[in-house]
Amino acid sequence: MSKTIGFRPTEDDERIIREAMRDDERTADVIRRALRLLDREAWLARARADAERLVDEDLSDEADDW
């Protein structure tokens, strides 16, 4: 089911959308691409946090399970 989200862009928002728009692309398409980029950015931040948390983990110290 599709939902509608209201959005009142500022002049700067409109400029960003216009500059990011590809041929035959609508404003909604640009915003969807931006949402995907935000999702990827959040995923990378979580992956980076996991990597930093595990930086001192040494798998060679653990017995092999196979």
C-alpha atoms as a PDB file:
ATOM      1  CA  MET A   1       0.000   0.000   0.000  1.00  0.00           C
ATOM      2  CA  SER A   2       1.379   3.349  -1.008  1.00  0.00           C
ATOM      3  CA  LYS A   3       1.350   6.291   1.377  1.00  0.00           C
ATOM      4  CA  THR A   4       1.791   9.957   0.637  1.00  0.00           C
ATOM      5  CA  ILE A   5       4.205  12.033   2.667  1.00  0.00           C
ATOM      6  CA  GLY A   6       3.904  15.801   2.569  1.00  0.00           C
ATOM      7  CA  PHE A   7       7.085  17.745   1.921  1.00  0.00           C
ATOM      8  CA  ARG A   8       7.537  21.486   1.571  1.00  0.00           C
ATOM      9  CA  PRO A   9      10.998  21.993   0.115  1.00  0.00           C
ATOM     10  CA  THR A  10      12.994  25.103   0.804  1.00  0.00           C
ATOM     11  CA  GLU A  11      14.697  26.897  -2.070  1.00  0.00           C
ATOM     12  CA  ASP A  12      17.890  25.054  -1.167  1.00  0.00           C
ATOM     13  CA  ASP A  13      16.048  21.709  -1.146  1.00  0.00           C
ATOM     14  CA  GLU A  14      14.654  22.481  -4.599  1.00  0.00           C
ATOM     15  CA  ARG A  15      18.134  23.317  -5.874  1.00  0.00           C
ATOM     16  CA  ILE A  16      19.560  20.071  -4.502  1.00  0.00           C
ATOM     17  CA  ILE A  17      16.744  18.038  -6.045  1.00  0.00           C
ATOM     18  CA  ARG A  18      17.083  19.813  -9.385  1.00  0.00           C
ATOM     19  CA  GLU A  19      20.868  19.255  -9.485  1.00  0.00           C
ATOM     20  CA  ALA A  20      20.519  15.592  -8.506  1.00  0.00           C
ATOM     21  CA  MET A  21      17.740  14.866 -10.997  1.00  0.00           C
ATOM     22  CA  ARG A  22      18.599  12.522 -13.849  1.00  0.00           C
ATOM     23  CA  ASP A  23      16.986  12.550 -17.289  1.00  0.00           C
ATOM     24  CA  ASP A  24      13.390  11.276 -17.213  1.00  0.00           C
ATOM     25  CA  GLU A  25      13.392  11.297 -13.405  1.00  0.00           C
ATOM     26  CA  ARG A  26      10.725  12.808 -11.192  1.00  0.00           C
ATOM     27  CA  THR A  27      11.209  14.589  -7.872  1.00  0.00           C
ATOM     28  CA  ALA A  28       9.870  11.524  -6.057  1.00  0.00           C
ATOM     29  CA  ASP A  29      12.565   9.393  -7.725  1.00  0.00           C
ATOM     30  CA  VAL A  30      15.307  11.726  -6.499  1.00  0.00           C
ATOM     31  CA  ILE A  31      13.917  11.631  -2.971  1.00  0.00           C
ATOM     32  CA  ARG A  32      13.733   7.812  -3.100  1.00  0.00           C
ATOM     33  CA  ARG A  33      17.391   7.670  -4.191  1.00  0.00           C
ATOM     34  CA  ALA A  34      18.280  10.015  -1.339  1.00  0.00           C
ATOM     35  CA  LEU A  35      16.455   7.755   1.120  1.00  0.00           C
ATOM     36  CA  ARG A  36      18.425   4.746  -0.176  1.00  0.00           C
ATOM     37  CA  LEU A  37      21.653   6.705   0.325  1.00  0.00           C
ATOM     38  CA  LEU A  38      20.616   7.554   3.888  1.00  0.00           C
ATOM     39  CA  ASP A  39      19.853   3.881   4.510  1.00  0.00           C
ATOM     40  CA  ARG A  40      23.290   2.902   3.190  1.00  0.00           C
ATOM     41  CA  GLU A  41      24.924   5.619   5.301  1.00  0.00           C
ATOM     42  CA  ALA A  42      23.228   4.233   8.430  1.00  0.00           C
ATOM     43  CA  TRP A  43      24.278   0.672   7.494  1.00  0.00           C
ATOM     44  CA  LEU A  44      27.890   1.798   7.030  1.00  0.00           C
ATOM     45  CA  ALA A  45      27.827   3.599  10.391  1.00  0.00           C
ATOM     46  CA  ARG A  46      26.606   0.407  12.100  1.00  0.00           C
ATOM     47  CA  ALA A  47      29.236  -1.681  10.296  1.00  0.00           C
ATOM     48  CA  ARG A  48      31.949   0.802  11.279  1.00  0.00           C
ATOM     49  CA  ALA A  49      30.806   0.723  14.911  1.00  0.00           C
ATOM     50  CA  ASP A  50      30.884  -3.098  14.873  1.00  0.00           C
ATOM     51  CA  ALA A  51      34.377  -3.080  13.361  1.00  0.00           C
ATOM     52  CA  GLU A  52      35.615  -0.627  15.992  1.00  0.00           C
ATOM     53  CA  ARG A  53      34.049  -2.722  18.755  1.00  0.00           C
ATOM     54  CA  LEU A  54      35.740  -5.868  17.438  1.00  0.00           C
ATOM     55  CA  VAL A  55      39.130  -4.318  16.645  1.00  0.00           C
ATOM     56  CA  ASP A  56      40.865  -6.174  19.495  1.00  0.00           C
ATOM     57  CA  GLU A  57      39.217  -9.510  18.729  1.00  0.00           C
ATOM     58  CA  ASP A  58      41.724 -12.066  17.456  1.00  0.00           C
ATOM     59  CA  LEU A  59      40.052 -15.024  15.797  1.00  0.00           C
ATOM     60  CA  SER A  60      43.373 -16.871  15.578  1.00  0.00           C
ATOM     61  CA  ASP A  61      43.223 -17.272  19.373  1.00  0.00           C
ATOM     62  CA  GLU A  62      40.001 -19.280  19.104  1.00  0.00           C
ATOM     63  CA  ALA A  63      39.754 -22.957  18.280  1.00  0.00           C
ATOM     64  CA  ASP A  64      38.512 -23.842  14.815  1.00  0.00           C
ATOM     65  CA  ASP A  65      34.952 -25.164  14.733  1.00  0.00           C
ATOM     66  CA  TRP A  66      35.580 -27.259  11.677  1.00  0.00           C
END
